């Protein structure tokens, strides 16, 4: 069976985002997103080893409900 190349999805269709992709999508800084994602009780992150992944829908919902960062 031949190998299929992966298709690059637009950021608004991805389920998980890297911190850089989340920064591009929201306009927030990558380091700010990483610091927020490392906070205890953060529900919109997923750790893949040492790599921080952002759950896009949960992150957007968090931002919608937040008044200050």
PDB file of N, CA and C in Angstrom:
ATOM      1  N   UNK A   1       0.841  -1.172   0.000  1.00  0.00           N
ATOM      2  CA  UNK A   1       0.000   0.000   0.000  1.00  0.00           C
ATOM      3  C   UNK A   1       0.894   1.246   0.000  1.00  0.00           C
ATOM      4  N   UNK A   2       0.712   2.146  -0.953  1.00  0.00           N
ATOM      5  CA  UNK A   2       1.569   3.327  -1.019  1.00  0.00           C
ATOM      6  C   UNK A   2       1.312   4.284   0.144  1.00  0.00           C
ATOM      7  N   UNK A   3       2.367   4.986   0.521  1.00  0.00           N
ATOM      8  CA  UNK A   3       2.296   5.947   1.618  1.00  0.00           C
ATOM      9  C   UNK A   3       1.586   7.208   1.145  1.00  0.00           C
ATOM     10  N   UNK A   4       0.607   7.663   1.917  1.00  0.00           N
ATOM     11  CA  UNK A   4      -0.100   8.901   1.594  1.00  0.00           C
ATOM     12  C   UNK A   4       0.562  10.060   2.313  1.00  0.00           C
ATOM     13  N   UNK A   5       0.734  11.154   1.616  1.00  0.00           N
ATOM     14  CA  UNK A   5       1.258  12.357   2.243  1.00  0.00           C
ATOM     15  C   UNK A   5       0.183  12.942   3.147  1.00  0.00           C
ATOM     16  N   UNK A   6       0.622  13.490   4.270  1.00  0.00           N
ATOM     17  CA  UNK A   6      -0.356  14.113   5.164  1.00  0.00           C
ATOM     18  C   UNK A   6      -0.824  15.426   4.548  1.00  0.00           C
ATOM     19  N   UNK A   7      -2.068  15.733   4.804  1.00  0.00           N
ATOM     20  CA  UNK A   7      -2.673  16.950   4.285  1.00  0.00           C
ATOM     21  C   UNK A   7      -2.587  18.011   5.369  1.00  0.00           C
ATOM     22  N   UNK A   8      -2.148  19.196   5.020  1.00  0.00           N
ATOM     23  CA  UNK A   8      -2.058  20.303   5.973  1.00  0.00           C
ATOM     24  C   UNK A   8      -3.440  20.928   6.131  1.00  0.00           C
ATOM     25  N   UNK A   9      -3.971  20.859   7.345  1.00  0.00           N
ATOM     26  CA  UNK A   9      -5.284  21.426   7.630  1.00  0.00           C
ATOM     27  C   UNK A   9      -5.146  22.891   8.029  1.00  0.00           C
ATOM     28  N   UNK A  10      -6.161  23.694   7.738  1.00  0.00           N
ATOM     29  CA  UNK A  10      -6.167  25.064   8.258  1.00  0.00           C
ATOM     30  C   UNK A  10      -6.252  25.022   9.782  1.00  0.00           C
ATOM     31  N   UNK A  11      -5.704  26.035  10.444  1.00  0.00           N
ATOM     32  CA  UNK A  11      -5.670  26.056  11.906  1.00  0.00           C
ATOM     33  C   UNK A  11      -7.051  25.956  12.530  1.00  0.00           C
ATOM     34  N   UNK A  12      -8.051  26.525  11.901  1.00  0.00           N
ATOM     35  CA  UNK A  12      -9.394  26.489  12.484  1.00  0.00           C
ATOM     36  C   UNK A  12     -10.081  25.137  12.337  1.00  0.00           C
ATOM     37  N   UNK A  13      -9.426  24.174  11.705  1.00  0.00           N
ATOM     38  CA  UNK A  13      -9.991  22.827  11.572  1.00  0.00           C
ATOM     39  C   UNK A  13      -9.217  21.793  12.373  1.00  0.00           C
ATOM     40  N   UNK A  14      -8.051  22.160  12.902  1.00  0.00           N
ATOM     41  CA  UNK A  14      -7.248  21.228  13.689  1.00  0.00           C
ATOM     42  C   UNK A  14      -7.847  21.053  15.069  1.00  0.00           C
ATOM     43  N   UNK A  15      -7.715  19.859  15.614  1.00  0.00           N
ATOM     44  CA  UNK A  15      -8.183  19.576  16.957  1.00  0.00           C
ATOM     45  C   UNK A  15      -7.154  20.041  17.977  1.00  0.00           C
ATOM     46  N   UNK A  16      -5.891  19.735  17.727  1.00  0.00           N
ATOM     47  CA  UNK A  16      -4.793  20.130  18.606  1.00  0.00           C
ATOM     48  C   UNK A  16      -3.880  21.103  17.885  1.00  0.00           C
ATOM     49  N   UNK A  17      -3.382  22.083  18.623  1.00  0.00           N
ATOM     50  CA  UNK A  17      -2.468  23.078  18.065  1.00  0.00           C
ATOM     51  C   UNK A  17      -1.180  23.102  18.878  1.00  0.00           C
ATOM     52  N   UNK A  18      -0.082  23.437  18.239  1.00  0.00           N
ATOM     53  CA  UNK A  18       1.136  23.724  18.985  1.00  0.00           C
ATOM     54  C   UNK A  18       0.976  25.124  19.580  1.00  0.00           C
ATOM     55  N   UNK A  19       1.858  25.490  20.483  1.00  0.00           N
ATOM     56  CA  UNK A  19       1.800  26.825  21.073  1.00  0.00           C
ATOM     57  C   UNK A  19       1.980  27.887  19.981  1.00  0.00           C
ATOM     58  N   UNK A  20       2.841  27.618  19.011  1.00  0.00           N
ATOM     59  CA  UNK A  20       3.055  28.574  17.922  1.00  0.00           C
ATOM     60  C   UNK A  20       1.805  28.728  17.060  1.00  0.00           C
ATOM     61  N   UNK A  21       1.132  27.621  16.755  1.00  0.00           N
ATOM     62  CA  UNK A  21      -0.101  27.688  15.969  1.00  0.00           C
ATOM     63  C   UNK A  21      -1.197  28.420  16.736  1.00  0.00           C
ATOM     64  N   UNK A  22      -1.296  28.177  18.044  1.00  0.00           N
ATOM     65  CA  UNK A  22      -2.284  28.868  18.867  1.00  0.00           C
ATOM     66  C   UNK A  22      -1.991  30.364  18.900  1.00  0.00           C
ATOM     67  N   UNK A  23      -0.709  30.718  18.938  1.00  0.00           N
ATOM     68  CA  UNK A  23      -0.317  32.133  18.914  1.00  0.00           C
ATOM     69  C   UNK A  23      -0.712  32.771  17.593  1.00  0.00           C
ATOM     70  N   UNK A  24      -0.499  32.080  16.508  1.00  0.00           N
ATOM     71  CA  UNK A  24      -0.875  32.583  15.188  1.00  0.00           C
ATOM     72  C   UNK A  24      -2.391  32.760  15.088  1.00  0.00           C
ATOM     73  N   UNK A  25      -3.136  31.801  15.608  1.00  0.00           N
ATOM     74  CA  UNK A  25      -4.596  31.836  15.543  1.00  0.00           C
ATOM     75  C   UNK A  25      -5.190  32.962  16.387  1.00  0.00           C
ATOM     76  N   UNK A  26      -4.604  33.220  17.566  1.00  0.00           N
ATOM     77  CA  UNK A  26      -5.216  34.155  18.507  1.00  0.00           C
ATOM     78  C   UNK A  26      -4.563  35.526  18.567  1.00  0.00           C
ATOM     79  N   UNK A  27      -3.308  35.618  18.152  1.00  0.00           N
ATOM     80  CA  UNK A  27      -2.590  36.887  18.269  1.00  0.00           C
ATOM     81  C   UNK A  27      -1.891  37.046  19.607  1.00  0.00           C
ATOM     82  N   UNK A  28      -2.012  36.074  20.491  1.00  0.00           N
ATOM     83  CA  UNK A  28      -1.286  36.089  21.761  1.00  0.00           C
ATOM     84  C   UNK A  28       0.141  35.596  21.519  1.00  0.00           C
ATOM     85  N   UNK A  29       1.033  35.895  22.430  1.00  0.00           N
ATOM     86  CA  UNK A  29       2.411  35.433  22.304  1.00  0.00           C
ATOM     87  C   UNK A  29       2.551  33.954  22.627  1.00  0.00           C
ATOM     88  N   UNK A  30       3.472  33.286  21.948  1.00  0.00           N
ATOM     89  CA  UNK A  30       3.718  31.857  22.166  1.00  0.00           C
ATOM     90  C   UNK A  30       4.135  31.588  23.605  1.00  0.00           C
ATOM     91  N   UNK A  31       5.017  32.421  24.161  1.00  0.00           N
ATOM     92  CA  UNK A  31       5.481  32.212  25.532  1.00  0.00           C
ATOM     93  C   UNK A  31       4.359  32.434  26.543  1.00  0.00           C
ATOM     94  N   UNK A  32       3.498  33.398  26.289  1.00  0.00           N
ATOM     95  CA  UNK A  32       2.344  33.655  27.158  1.00  0.00           C
ATOM     96  C   UNK A  32       1.429  32.436  27.170  1.00  0.00           C
ATOM     97  N   UNK A  33       1.179  31.857  26.010  1.00  0.00           N
ATOM     98  CA  UNK A  33       0.325  30.666  25.908  1.00  0.00           C
ATOM     99  C   UNK A  33       0.967  29.505  26.653  1.00  0.00           C
ATOM    100  N   UNK A  34       2.280  29.330  26.517  1.00  0.00           N
ATOM    101  CA  UNK A  34       2.972  28.251  27.228  1.00  0.00           C
ATOM    102  C   UNK A  34       2.873  28.434  28.740  1.00  0.00           C
ATOM    103  N   UNK A  35       3.059  29.663  29.228  1.00  0.00           N
ATOM    104  CA  UNK A  35       2.963  29.921  30.666  1.00  0.00           C
ATOM    105  C   UNK A  35       1.550  29.642  31.179  1.00  0.00           C
ATOM    106  N   UNK A  36       0.542  30.087  30.431  1.00  0.00           N
ATOM    107  CA  UNK A  36      -0.841  29.828  30.839  1.00  0.00           C
ATOM    108  C   UNK A  36      -1.132  28.326  30.831  1.00  0.00           C
ATOM    109  N   UNK A  37      -0.604  27.610  29.844  1.00  0.00           N
ATOM    110  CA  UNK A  37      -0.843  26.177  29.730  1.00  0.00           C
ATOM    111  C   UNK A  37      -0.161  25.353  30.797  1.00  0.00           C
ATOM    112  N   UNK A  38       0.873  25.888  31.415  1.00  0.00           N
ATOM    113  CA  UNK A  38       1.591  25.166  32.465  1.00  0.00           C
ATOM    114  C   UNK A  38       0.981  25.399  33.845  1.00  0.00           C
ATOM    115  N   UNK A  39       0.003  26.275  33.941  1.00  0.00           N
ATOM    116  CA  UNK A  39      -0.635  26.572  35.228  1.00  0.00           C
ATOM    117  C   UNK A  39      -1.400  25.345  35.733  1.00  0.00           C
ATOM    118  N   UNK A  40      -1.353  25.109  37.048  1.00  0.00           N
ATOM    119  CA  UNK A  40      -2.119  23.981  37.605  1.00  0.00           C
ATOM    120  C   UNK A  40      -3.614  24.143  37.321  1.00  0.00           C
ATOM    121  N   UNK A  41      -4.250  23.052  36.967  1.00  0.00           N
ATOM    122  CA  UNK A  41      -5.688  23.071  36.718  1.00  0.00           C
ATOM    123  C   UNK A  41      -6.078  23.499  35.313  1.00  0.00           C
ATOM    124  N   UNK A  42      -5.109  23.737  34.455  1.00  0.00           N
ATOM    125  CA  UNK A  42      -5.407  24.133  33.072  1.00  0.00           C
ATOM    126  C   UNK A  42      -6.065  22.955  32.351  1.00  0.00           C
ATOM    127  N   UNK A  43      -7.247  23.172  31.787  1.00  0.00           N
ATOM    128  CA  UNK A  43      -8.007  22.074  31.169  1.00  0.00           C
ATOM    129  C   UNK A  43      -7.920  22.053  29.648  1.00  0.00           C
ATOM    130  N   UNK A  44      -7.252  23.033  29.034  1.00  0.00           N
ATOM    131  CA  UNK A  44      -7.213  23.095  27.578  1.00  0.00           C
ATOM    132  C   UNK A  44      -5.859  22.687  26.995  1.00  0.00           C
ATOM    133  N   UNK A  45      -5.046  21.972  27.789  1.00  0.00           N
ATOM    134  CA  UNK A  45      -3.755  21.504  27.300  1.00  0.00           C
ATOM    135  C   UNK A  45      -3.671  19.997  27.324  1.00  0.00           C
ATOM    136  N   UNK A  46      -2.792  19.482  26.501  1.00  0.00           N
ATOM    137  CA  UNK A  46      -2.463  18.062  26.450  1.00  0.00           C
ATOM    138  C   UNK A  46      -0.954  17.992  26.291  1.00  0.00           C
ATOM    139  N   UNK A  47      -0.300  17.215  27.125  1.00  0.00           N
ATOM    140  CA  UNK A  47       1.158  17.078  27.035  1.00  0.00           C
ATOM    141  C   UNK A  47       1.487  15.800  26.291  1.00  0.00           C
ATOM    142  N   UNK A  48       2.248  15.918  25.231  1.00  0.00           N
ATOM    143  CA  UNK A  48       2.766  14.789  24.467  1.00  0.00           C
ATOM    144  C   UNK A  48       4.249  14.713  24.809  1.00  0.00           C
ATOM    145  N   UNK A  49       4.570  13.985  25.883  1.00  0.00           N
ATOM    146  CA  UNK A  49       5.930  14.011  26.409  1.00  0.00           C
ATOM    147  C   UNK A  49       6.182  15.394  26.984  1.00  0.00           C
ATOM    148  N   UNK A  50       7.160  16.097  26.436  1.00  0.00           N
ATOM    149  CA  UNK A  50       7.437  17.463  26.898  1.00  0.00           C
ATOM    150  C   UNK A  50       6.840  18.513  25.963  1.00  0.00           C
ATOM    151  N   UNK A  51       6.106  18.065  24.952  1.00  0.00           N
ATOM    152  CA  UNK A  51       5.519  18.990  23.974  1.00  0.00           C
ATOM    153  C   UNK A  51       4.109  19.390  24.395  1.00  0.00           C
ATOM    154  N   UNK A  52       3.893  20.690  24.529  1.00  0.00           N
ATOM    155  CA  UNK A  52       2.588  21.228  24.910  1.00  0.00           C
ATOM    156  C   UNK A  52       1.691  21.306  23.680  1.00  0.00           C
ATOM    157  N   UNK A  53       0.527  20.694  23.763  1.00  0.00           N
ATOM    158  CA  UNK A  53      -0.463  20.777  22.701  1.00  0.00           C
ATOM    159  C   UNK A  53      -1.697  21.470  23.268  1.00  0.00           C
ATOM    160  N   UNK A  54      -2.321  22.303  22.456  1.00  0.00           N
ATOM    161  CA  UNK A  54      -3.466  23.095  22.867  1.00  0.00           C
ATOM    162  C   UNK A  54      -4.724  22.493  22.250  1.00  0.00           C
ATOM    163  N   UNK A  55      -5.723  22.215  23.084  1.00  0.00           N
ATOM    164  CA  UNK A  55      -7.023  21.762  22.590  1.00  0.00           C
ATOM    165  C   UNK A  55      -7.746  23.006  22.079  1.00  0.00           C
ATOM    166  N   UNK A  56      -7.829  23.125  20.766  1.00  0.00           N
ATOM    167  CA  UNK A  56      -8.283  24.367  20.127  1.00  0.00           C
ATOM    168  C   UNK A  56      -9.645  24.838  20.631  1.00  0.00           C
ATOM    169  N   UNK A  57     -10.652  23.986  20.596  1.00  0.00           N
ATOM    170  CA  UNK A  57     -12.001  24.405  20.978  1.00  0.00           C
ATOM    171  C   UNK A  57     -12.065  24.818  22.442  1.00  0.00           C
ATOM    172  N   UNK A  58     -11.409  24.066  23.320  1.00  0.00           N
ATOM    173  CA  UNK A  58     -11.411  24.399  24.742  1.00  0.00           C
ATOM    174  C   UNK A  58     -10.650  25.707  24.983  1.00  0.00           C
ATOM    175  N   UNK A  59      -9.574  25.937  24.233  1.00  0.00           N
ATOM    176  CA  UNK A  59      -8.781  27.161  24.374  1.00  0.00           C
ATOM    177  C   UNK A  59      -9.588  28.374  23.916  1.00  0.00           C
ATOM    178  N   UNK A  60     -10.267  28.252  22.796  1.00  0.00           N
ATOM    179  CA  UNK A  60     -11.095  29.355  22.303  1.00  0.00           C
ATOM    180  C   UNK A  60     -12.215  29.651  23.287  1.00  0.00           C
ATOM    181  N   UNK A  61     -12.826  28.619  23.849  1.00  0.00           N
ATOM    182  CA  UNK A  61     -13.878  28.804  24.855  1.00  0.00           C
ATOM    183  C   UNK A  61     -13.312  29.496  26.094  1.00  0.00           C
ATOM    184  N   UNK A  62     -12.127  29.077  26.532  1.00  0.00           N
ATOM    185  CA  UNK A  62     -11.461  29.718  27.670  1.00  0.00           C
ATOM    186  C   UNK A  62     -11.248  31.209  27.401  1.00  0.00           C
ATOM    187  N   UNK A  63     -10.752  31.536  26.217  1.00  0.00           N
ATOM    188  CA  UNK A  63     -10.509  32.941  25.872  1.00  0.00           C
ATOM    189  C   UNK A  63     -11.805  33.745  25.799  1.00  0.00           C
ATOM    190  N   UNK A  64     -12.862  33.121  25.324  1.00  0.00           N
ATOM    191  CA  UNK A  64     -14.153  33.784  25.222  1.00  0.00           C
ATOM    192  C   UNK A  64     -14.701  34.161  26.598  1.00  0.00           C
ATOM    193  N   UNK A  65     -14.448  33.314  27.583  1.00  0.00           N
ATOM    194  CA  UNK A  65     -14.976  33.539  28.923  1.00  0.00           C
ATOM    195  C   UNK A  65     -14.038  34.343  29.832  1.00  0.00           C
ATOM    196  N   UNK A  66     -12.830  34.659  29.355  1.00  0.00           N
ATOM    197  CA  UNK A  66     -11.828  35.341  30.178  1.00  0.00           C
ATOM    198  C   UNK A  66     -11.830  36.821  29.887  1.00  0.00           C
ATOM    199  N   UNK A  67     -11.769  37.625  30.957  1.00  0.00           N
ATOM    200  CA  UNK A  67     -11.741  39.076  30.814  1.00  0.00           C
ATOM    201  C   UNK A  67     -10.333  39.655  30.815  1.00  0.00           C
ATOM    202  N   UNK A  68      -9.390  38.971  31.451  1.00  0.00           N
ATOM    203  CA  UNK A  68      -8.013  39.469  31.524  1.00  0.00           C
ATOM    204  C   UNK A  68      -7.064  38.279  31.565  1.00  0.00           C
ATOM    205  N   UNK A  69      -5.884  38.472  30.992  1.00  0.00           N
ATOM    206  CA  UNK A  69      -4.881  37.402  30.998  1.00  0.00           C
ATOM    207  C   UNK A  69      -3.713  37.808  31.869  1.00  0.00           C
TER     208      UNK A  69
END
